[in-house]
Amino acid sequence: MGNSENNNKELTVEQIREIAAQLRNPTGEKGIEMGHIMNEANVAMIDHTFETLQPVSGESILEIGHGNAHHLNGSRHKLYRTGYFRNHASGS
């Protein structure tokens, strides 16, 4: 998955299958790596959503997702305590 040294080459069918398998059911070190990759890819969208919604005390946000919930770290963690609920399918 960490294909930084191979950025300009096409993925093989086996690499695509490995990525698909990890997206479907993340496991082991590769699953953890996939969670970090997904978080990096989605963090701007998640930040924009929070900025757009501008939740206030007493309001709730329900996120139904498939990631590792890493975006709840840091300043966003306070949203969890004020009504941010998450339902996700990932075991990683």
C-alpha atoms as a PDB file:
ATOM      1  CA  MET A   1       0.000   0.000   0.000  1.00  0.00           C
ATOM      2  CA  GLY A   2       2.635   2.555   0.965  1.00  0.00           C
ATOM      3  CA  ASN A   3       3.520   3.103  -2.647  1.00  0.00           C
ATOM      4  CA  SER A   4       5.519   6.344  -2.336  1.00  0.00           C
ATOM      5  CA  GLU A   5       8.533   4.939  -4.164  1.00  0.00           C
ATOM      6  CA  ASN A   6       6.229   3.698  -6.927  1.00  0.00           C
ATOM      7  CA  ASN A   7       4.024   6.800  -7.429  1.00  0.00           C
ATOM      8  CA  ASN A   8       4.450   7.035 -11.198  1.00  0.00           C
ATOM      9  CA  LYS A   9       3.709   3.385 -11.970  1.00  0.00           C
ATOM     10  CA  GLU A  10       0.351   1.714 -12.358  1.00  0.00           C
ATOM     11  CA  LEU A  11      -0.791  -0.644  -9.627  1.00  0.00           C
ATOM     12  CA  THR A  12      -0.798  -4.340 -10.329  1.00  0.00           C
ATOM     13  CA  VAL A  13      -3.993  -6.352 -10.139  1.00  0.00           C
ATOM     14  CA  GLU A  14      -2.675  -7.971  -6.946  1.00  0.00           C
ATOM     15  CA  GLN A  15      -2.018  -4.547  -5.348  1.00  0.00           C
ATOM     16  CA  ILE A  16      -5.533  -3.404  -6.255  1.00  0.00           C
ATOM     17  CA  ARG A  17      -6.983  -6.583  -4.729  1.00  0.00           C
ATOM     18  CA  GLU A  18      -4.943  -6.042  -1.553  1.00  0.00           C
ATOM     19  CA  ILE A  19      -6.202  -2.460  -1.229  1.00  0.00           C
ATOM     20  CA  ALA A  20      -9.802  -3.563  -1.870  1.00  0.00           C
ATOM     21  CA  ALA A  21      -9.487  -6.280   0.774  1.00  0.00           C
ATOM     22  CA  GLN A  22      -8.189  -3.783   3.340  1.00  0.00           C
ATOM     23  CA  LEU A  23     -10.951  -1.291   2.526  1.00  0.00           C
ATOM     24  CA  ARG A  24     -13.507  -4.077   2.916  1.00  0.00           C
ATOM     25  CA  ASN A  25     -12.096  -5.484   6.159  1.00  0.00           C
ATOM     26  CA  PRO A  26      -8.969  -3.785   7.555  1.00  0.00           C
ATOM     27  CA  THR A  27      -6.643  -6.189   9.387  1.00  0.00           C
ATOM     28  CA  GLY A  28      -3.142  -6.146  10.849  1.00  0.00           C
ATOM     29  CA  GLU A  29      -0.488  -3.565  10.093  1.00  0.00           C
ATOM     30  CA  LYS A  30      -1.828  -2.999   6.563  1.00  0.00           C
ATOM     31  CA  GLY A  31      -5.270  -2.271   8.043  1.00  0.00           C
ATOM     32  CA  ILE A  32      -3.795   0.301  10.406  1.00  0.00           C
ATOM     33  CA  GLU A  33      -1.887   1.857   7.507  1.00  0.00           C
ATOM     34  CA  MET A  34      -5.102   1.977   5.437  1.00  0.00           C
ATOM     35  CA  GLY A  35      -6.886   3.726   8.304  1.00  0.00           C
ATOM     36  CA  HIS A  36      -4.210   6.421   8.376  1.00  0.00           C
ATOM     37  CA  ILE A  37      -4.351   6.831   4.587  1.00  0.00           C
ATOM     38  CA  MET A  38      -8.143   7.164   4.691  1.00  0.00           C
ATOM     39  CA  ASN A  39      -7.944   9.686   7.508  1.00  0.00           C
ATOM     40  CA  GLU A  40      -5.453  11.832   5.572  1.00  0.00           C
ATOM     41  CA  ALA A  41      -7.640  11.651   2.481  1.00  0.00           C
ATOM     42  CA  ASN A  42     -10.828  12.609   4.341  1.00  0.00           C
ATOM     43  CA  VAL A  43      -9.687  15.115   6.978  1.00  0.00           C
ATOM     44  CA  ALA A  44     -10.316  18.220   4.834  1.00  0.00           C
ATOM     45  CA  MET A  45     -13.862  17.065   4.042  1.00  0.00           C
ATOM     46  CA  ILE A  46     -14.538  16.311   7.710  1.00  0.00           C
ATOM     47  CA  ASP A  47     -13.150  19.692   8.814  1.00  0.00           C
ATOM     48  CA  HIS A  48     -15.281  21.473   6.218  1.00  0.00           C
ATOM     49  CA  THR A  49     -18.376  19.610   7.398  1.00  0.00           C
ATOM     50  CA  PHE A  50     -17.800  20.660  11.028  1.00  0.00           C
ATOM     51  CA  GLU A  51     -17.180  24.263   9.946  1.00  0.00           C
ATOM     52  CA  THR A  52     -20.348  24.271   7.842  1.00  0.00           C
ATOM     53  CA  LEU A  53     -22.555  22.700  10.535  1.00  0.00           C
ATOM     54  CA  GLN A  54     -21.145  24.861  13.351  1.00  0.00           C
ATOM     55  CA  PRO A  55     -22.698  22.725  16.102  1.00  0.00           C
ATOM     56  CA  VAL A  56     -23.548  24.380  19.386  1.00  0.00           C
ATOM     57  CA  SER A  57     -24.030  22.913  22.833  1.00  0.00           C
ATOM     58  CA  GLY A  58     -27.065  20.661  22.962  1.00  0.00           C
ATOM     59  CA  GLU A  59     -27.012  19.733  19.275  1.00  0.00           C
ATOM     60  CA  SER A  60     -26.024  16.272  18.079  1.00  0.00           C
ATOM     61  CA  ILE A  61     -24.103  15.022  15.061  1.00  0.00           C
ATOM     62  CA  LEU A  62     -24.385  11.415  13.904  1.00  0.00           C
ATOM     63  CA  GLU A  63     -21.606  10.203  11.661  1.00  0.00           C
ATOM     64  CA  ILE A  64     -22.022   6.883   9.940  1.00  0.00           C
ATOM     65  CA  GLY A  65     -18.650   5.979   8.562  1.00  0.00           C
ATOM     66  CA  HIS A  66     -16.079   3.306   7.989  1.00  0.00           C
ATOM     67  CA  GLY A  67     -12.876   4.886   9.244  1.00  0.00           C
ATOM     68  CA  ASN A  68     -10.801   4.736  12.405  1.00  0.00           C
ATOM     69  CA  ALA A  69     -12.316   7.815  14.160  1.00  0.00           C
ATOM     70  CA  HIS A  70      -8.829   9.381  14.305  1.00  0.00           C
ATOM     71  CA  HIS A  71     -10.395  12.738  13.425  1.00  0.00           C
ATOM     72  CA  LEU A  72     -11.872  12.888  16.952  1.00  0.00           C
ATOM     73  CA  ASN A  73      -8.398  13.575  18.375  1.00  0.00           C
ATOM     74  CA  GLY A  74      -7.347  17.052  19.394  1.00  0.00           C
ATOM     75  CA  SER A  75      -9.728  19.985  19.223  1.00  0.00           C
ATOM     76  CA  ARG A  76     -12.567  17.951  17.709  1.00  0.00           C
ATOM     77  CA  HIS A  77     -12.650  15.634  20.712  1.00  0.00           C
ATOM     78  CA  LYS A  78     -14.820  18.157  22.585  1.00  0.00           C
ATOM     79  CA  LEU A  79     -17.563  17.568  19.993  1.00  0.00           C
ATOM     80  CA  TYR A  80     -17.819  13.979  21.171  1.00  0.00           C
ATOM     81  CA  ARG A  81     -18.654  15.190  24.655  1.00  0.00           C
ATOM     82  CA  THR A  82     -21.288  17.607  23.359  1.00  0.00           C
ATOM     83  CA  GLY A  83     -23.260  15.183  21.216  1.00  0.00           C
ATOM     84  CA  TYR A  84     -21.094  13.751  18.437  1.00  0.00           C
ATOM     85  CA  PHE A  85     -22.074  10.151  17.854  1.00  0.00           C
ATOM     86  CA  ARG A  86     -20.272   7.782  15.537  1.00  0.00           C
ATOM     87  CA  ASN A  87     -21.293   4.466  14.065  1.00  0.00           C
ATOM     88  CA  HIS A  88     -18.616   2.773  11.999  1.00  0.00           C
ATOM     89  CA  ALA A  89     -17.970  -0.674  10.626  1.00  0.00           C
ATOM     90  CA  SER A  90     -14.190  -0.818  10.895  1.00  0.00           C
ATOM     91  CA  GLY A  91     -12.577  -3.097  13.415  1.00  0.00           C
ATOM     92  CA  SER A  92      -9.244  -1.228  13.201  1.00  0.00           C
END
